[in-house]
Amino acid sequence: MIIKRPKPKQYAPKNAKNVFKGLIFDVYHWKQKLYDGSFTTFERIRRKDTAQVIPVTEDNKIILLLQKQPGFKSPIYGVAGGQINPGESPLEAAKRELLEETGHKAEKMDLWFSSQPHVRMDWASYTFIARGSKKISGLKLDPGEKIKLKYVSFEEFIKIVFTENFYDREITLQLLKEGLDWKTCLKGLTKAGKKLGLTK
């Protein structure tokens, strides 16, 4: 499976200087010429790419992760996933994360979508559907993870994805893009606008 990396929405020039190198995030600065001829410092963040997986069992149950992590006030829902290691392809990372965080192996892995979720950050995220997922081992979690697996129907999955404690927002946005036409979106936004006093 050949997977092209999605292009960032804003490029940092080749002369951009790495002013901070973190465990996950790197920060770059460069002098940018503005439309009036003056210059200012632009900033851009780069982070390691990630792969995430939505496992679907043979009886069409979707596996979600209800997890606790240090720094989170309450448990959050999400899908299996994590950073792509050096030398790994997105598909290899997805298979590894699926096994580590759910103990499952899939009969077939399909790329659902890939994206650059943020404008000012160079970060590619790949989302896979793991079909025919079967449990073959226990979970192999990092010390900073506590995970419970939740087997839900598609309807339950949709309800959870649109709650505040669902972590993987790019999935929520993709479902909106694929499932709603602009008229339906406009109707919902008009209702929200009335609450805010922006529409009548």
Protein backbone atom coordinates (compact mmCIF):
# COMPACT_ATOMS: atom_id res chain seq x y z
CA MET A 1 0.00 0.00 0.00
CA ILE A 2 1.57 3.28 -1.14
CA ILE A 3 0.43 6.16 1.05
CA LYS A 4 1.33 9.73 0.15
CA ARG A 5 1.96 12.14 2.98
CA PRO A 6 -0.59 14.99 2.96
CA LYS A 7 0.96 18.38 2.30
CA PRO A 8 1.07 20.96 5.11
CA LYS A 9 -1.22 23.95 4.73
CA GLN A 10 1.66 26.37 5.30
CA TYR A 11 5.29 25.70 4.42
CA ALA A 12 8.30 26.83 6.41
CA PRO A 13 11.15 27.98 4.13
CA LYS A 14 14.39 25.99 3.92
CA ASN A 15 16.22 28.68 5.91
CA ALA A 16 13.82 28.39 8.87
CA LYS A 17 15.77 28.03 12.13
CA ASN A 18 14.97 25.30 14.65
CA VAL A 19 14.74 27.37 17.86
CA PHE A 20 13.34 24.61 20.08
CA LYS A 21 13.57 20.83 19.84
CA GLY A 22 11.21 18.93 22.12
CA LEU A 23 10.24 15.30 22.63
CA ILE A 24 7.23 15.69 20.31
CA PHE A 25 7.21 19.28 19.05
CA ASP A 26 9.90 21.30 17.23
CA VAL A 27 9.55 25.07 16.76
CA TYR A 28 10.92 26.93 13.71
CA HIS A 29 11.40 30.69 13.14
CA TRP A 30 12.14 32.68 10.00
CA LYS A 31 12.07 36.29 8.81
CA GLN A 32 9.04 36.87 6.62
CA LYS A 33 8.59 39.81 4.29
CA LEU A 34 5.15 41.41 4.56
CA TYR A 35 3.06 43.14 1.90
CA ASP A 36 4.22 46.63 2.93
CA GLY A 37 7.90 45.65 2.58
CA SER A 38 8.59 45.28 6.29
CA PHE A 39 9.78 42.06 7.94
CA THR A 40 8.58 40.11 10.96
CA THR A 41 9.31 36.75 12.56
CA PHE A 42 7.04 33.87 11.57
CA GLU A 43 6.75 30.73 13.65
CA ARG A 44 5.80 27.18 12.76
CA ILE A 45 5.54 23.94 14.73
CA ARG A 46 6.48 20.50 13.47
CA ARG A 47 5.58 17.29 15.25
CA LYS A 48 5.97 13.58 14.62
CA ASP A 49 3.35 12.08 12.31
CA THR A 50 0.76 9.75 13.81
CA ALA A 51 -1.39 6.79 12.79
CA GLN A 52 -4.70 5.83 14.34
CA VAL A 53 -7.04 2.89 13.90
CA ILE A 54 -10.77 2.27 14.16
CA PRO A 55 -11.06 -1.50 14.75
CA VAL A 56 -14.22 -3.26 13.59
CA THR A 57 -14.88 -6.80 14.83
CA GLU A 58 -16.38 -9.66 12.83
CA ASP A 59 -19.78 -8.95 14.41
CA ASN A 60 -19.54 -5.26 13.36
CA LYS A 61 -18.70 -3.82 16.77
CA ILE A 62 -16.39 -0.80 16.81
CA ILE A 63 -13.70 -0.78 19.48
CA LEU A 64 -13.19 2.52 21.28
CA LEU A 65 -10.66 3.23 24.00
CA LEU A 66 -11.79 4.79 27.27
CA GLN A 67 -8.49 5.95 28.66
CA LYS A 68 -6.89 7.87 31.48
CA GLN A 69 -3.66 9.78 30.99
CA PRO A 70 -1.69 11.99 33.36
CA GLY A 71 -2.88 15.58 33.07
CA PHE A 72 -6.44 14.74 31.96
CA LYS A 73 -9.11 15.60 34.53
CA SER A 74 -11.44 12.79 33.46
CA PRO A 75 -11.31 9.71 31.21
CA ILE A 76 -11.48 10.39 27.48
CA TYR A 77 -12.75 8.37 24.52
CA GLY A 78 -10.53 7.83 21.52
CA VAL A 79 -9.22 5.27 19.07
CA ALA A 80 -6.02 3.25 19.07
CA GLY A 81 -3.07 5.19 17.75
CA GLY A 82 0.20 6.96 18.34
CA GLN A 83 3.40 8.27 16.82
CA ILE A 84 4.96 6.73 13.73
CA ASN A 85 8.43 5.53 14.67
CA PRO A 86 11.49 6.26 12.48
CA GLY A 87 11.58 3.78 9.58
CA GLU A 88 7.91 2.81 10.00
CA SER A 89 5.25 3.33 7.37
CA PRO A 90 1.86 4.68 8.47
CA LEU A 91 0.36 1.21 7.92
CA GLU A 92 3.05 -0.51 9.99
CA ALA A 93 2.51 1.99 12.81
CA ALA A 94 -1.26 1.46 12.67
CA LYS A 95 -0.87 -2.32 12.95
CA ARG A 96 1.55 -1.95 15.87
CA GLU A 97 -0.70 0.49 17.74
CA LEU A 98 -3.73 -1.74 17.15
CA LEU A 99 -1.95 -4.70 18.73
CA GLU A 100 -0.41 -2.73 21.61
CA GLU A 101 -3.52 -0.80 22.65
CA THR A 102 -6.27 -3.34 21.90
CA GLY A 103 -4.56 -6.73 21.60
CA HIS A 104 -6.27 -7.15 18.22
CA LYS A 105 -5.07 -8.07 14.74
CA ALA A 106 -7.10 -7.22 11.63
CA GLU A 107 -7.84 -9.29 8.55
CA LYS A 108 -7.69 -6.12 6.44
CA MET A 109 -6.50 -2.57 7.01
CA ASP A 110 -7.84 0.25 4.82
CA LEU A 111 -6.75 3.88 4.89
CA TRP A 112 -9.90 5.93 5.51
CA PHE A 113 -8.28 9.38 5.26
CA SER A 114 -5.09 11.30 5.94
CA SER A 115 -4.89 14.95 6.84
CA GLN A 116 -2.87 17.85 8.17
CA PRO A 117 -5.23 18.86 11.01
CA HIS A 118 -3.64 22.21 11.87
CA VAL A 119 -2.72 25.18 9.69
CA ARG A 120 0.42 26.26 11.56
CA MET A 121 1.72 22.81 12.39
CA ASP A 122 3.37 20.34 10.03
CA TRP A 123 1.80 17.12 11.31
CA ALA A 124 0.31 14.35 9.18
CA SER A 125 -2.32 12.08 10.70
CA TYR A 126 -3.40 8.80 9.06
CA THR A 127 -6.66 7.08 10.02
CA PHE A 128 -7.21 3.41 9.18
CA ILE A 129 -10.21 1.07 9.43
CA ALA A 130 -9.18 -2.35 10.77
CA ARG A 131 -11.75 -4.82 9.46
CA GLY A 132 -12.29 -8.29 10.91
CA SER A 133 -10.37 -7.45 14.08
CA LYS A 134 -9.71 -10.41 16.36
CA LYS A 135 -8.21 -10.41 19.84
CA ILE A 136 -4.92 -12.33 19.87
CA SER A 137 -3.12 -10.96 22.94
CA GLY A 138 -3.33 -8.74 25.98
CA LEU A 139 -2.70 -5.01 25.94
CA LYS A 140 0.88 -3.68 25.98
CA LEU A 141 0.46 -0.20 27.40
CA ASP A 142 2.91 2.60 28.14
CA PRO A 143 3.35 3.51 31.84
CA GLY A 144 1.29 6.67 31.23
CA GLU A 145 -1.75 4.83 29.85
CA LYS A 146 -4.79 3.21 31.46
CA ILE A 147 -7.16 1.84 28.84
CA LYS A 148 -10.52 0.04 28.87
CA LEU A 149 -11.88 -1.30 25.61
CA LYS A 150 -15.47 -0.44 24.74
CA TYR A 151 -17.28 -2.46 22.05
CA VAL A 152 -20.01 -0.26 20.57
CA SER A 153 -22.45 -0.27 17.67
CA PHE A 154 -22.07 2.23 14.82
CA GLU A 155 -24.91 4.33 16.26
CA GLU A 156 -23.23 4.40 19.70
CA PHE A 157 -19.92 5.27 18.02
CA ILE A 158 -21.46 8.30 16.29
CA LYS A 159 -23.00 9.53 19.54
CA ILE A 160 -19.66 9.29 21.37
CA VAL A 161 -17.68 10.91 18.54
CA PHE A 162 -19.80 14.06 18.90
CA THR A 163 -19.39 14.36 22.68
CA GLU A 164 -16.92 16.71 24.35
CA ASN A 165 -14.79 13.93 25.80
CA PHE A 166 -13.98 12.33 22.44
CA TYR A 167 -10.29 13.07 21.88
CA ASP A 168 -9.62 12.43 18.18
CA ARG A 169 -11.32 15.48 16.66
CA GLU A 170 -10.09 14.88 13.10
CA ILE A 171 -12.43 11.85 13.03
CA THR A 172 -15.35 14.05 14.10
CA LEU A 173 -14.56 16.55 11.35
CA GLN A 174 -14.21 13.84 8.71
CA LEU A 175 -17.60 12.38 9.63
CA LEU A 176 -19.11 15.85 9.27
CA LYS A 177 -17.51 16.26 5.84
CA GLU A 178 -18.75 12.91 4.59
CA GLY A 179 -22.13 12.70 6.29
CA LEU A 180 -23.65 16.16 6.05
CA ASP A 181 -24.41 18.38 3.09
CA TRP A 182 -24.09 22.15 3.41
CA LYS A 183 -27.83 22.69 3.93
CA THR A 184 -27.89 20.37 6.94
CA CYS A 185 -24.79 22.07 8.34
CA LEU A 186 -26.31 25.51 7.77
CA LYS A 187 -29.48 24.50 9.61
CA GLY A 188 -27.49 23.36 12.64
CA LEU A 189 -25.26 26.44 12.59
CA THR A 190 -28.28 28.73 12.33
CA LYS A 191 -29.69 27.12 15.47
CA ALA A 192 -26.35 27.65 17.25
CA GLY A 193 -26.24 31.23 15.96
CA LYS A 194 -29.62 31.98 17.59
CA LYS A 195 -28.27 30.84 20.94
CA LEU A 196 -25.32 33.20 20.54
CA GLY A 197 -27.53 36.06 19.34
CA LEU A 198 -25.83 36.13 15.93
CA THR A 199 -28.88 35.14 13.88
CA LYS A 200 -32.60 35.72 14.21
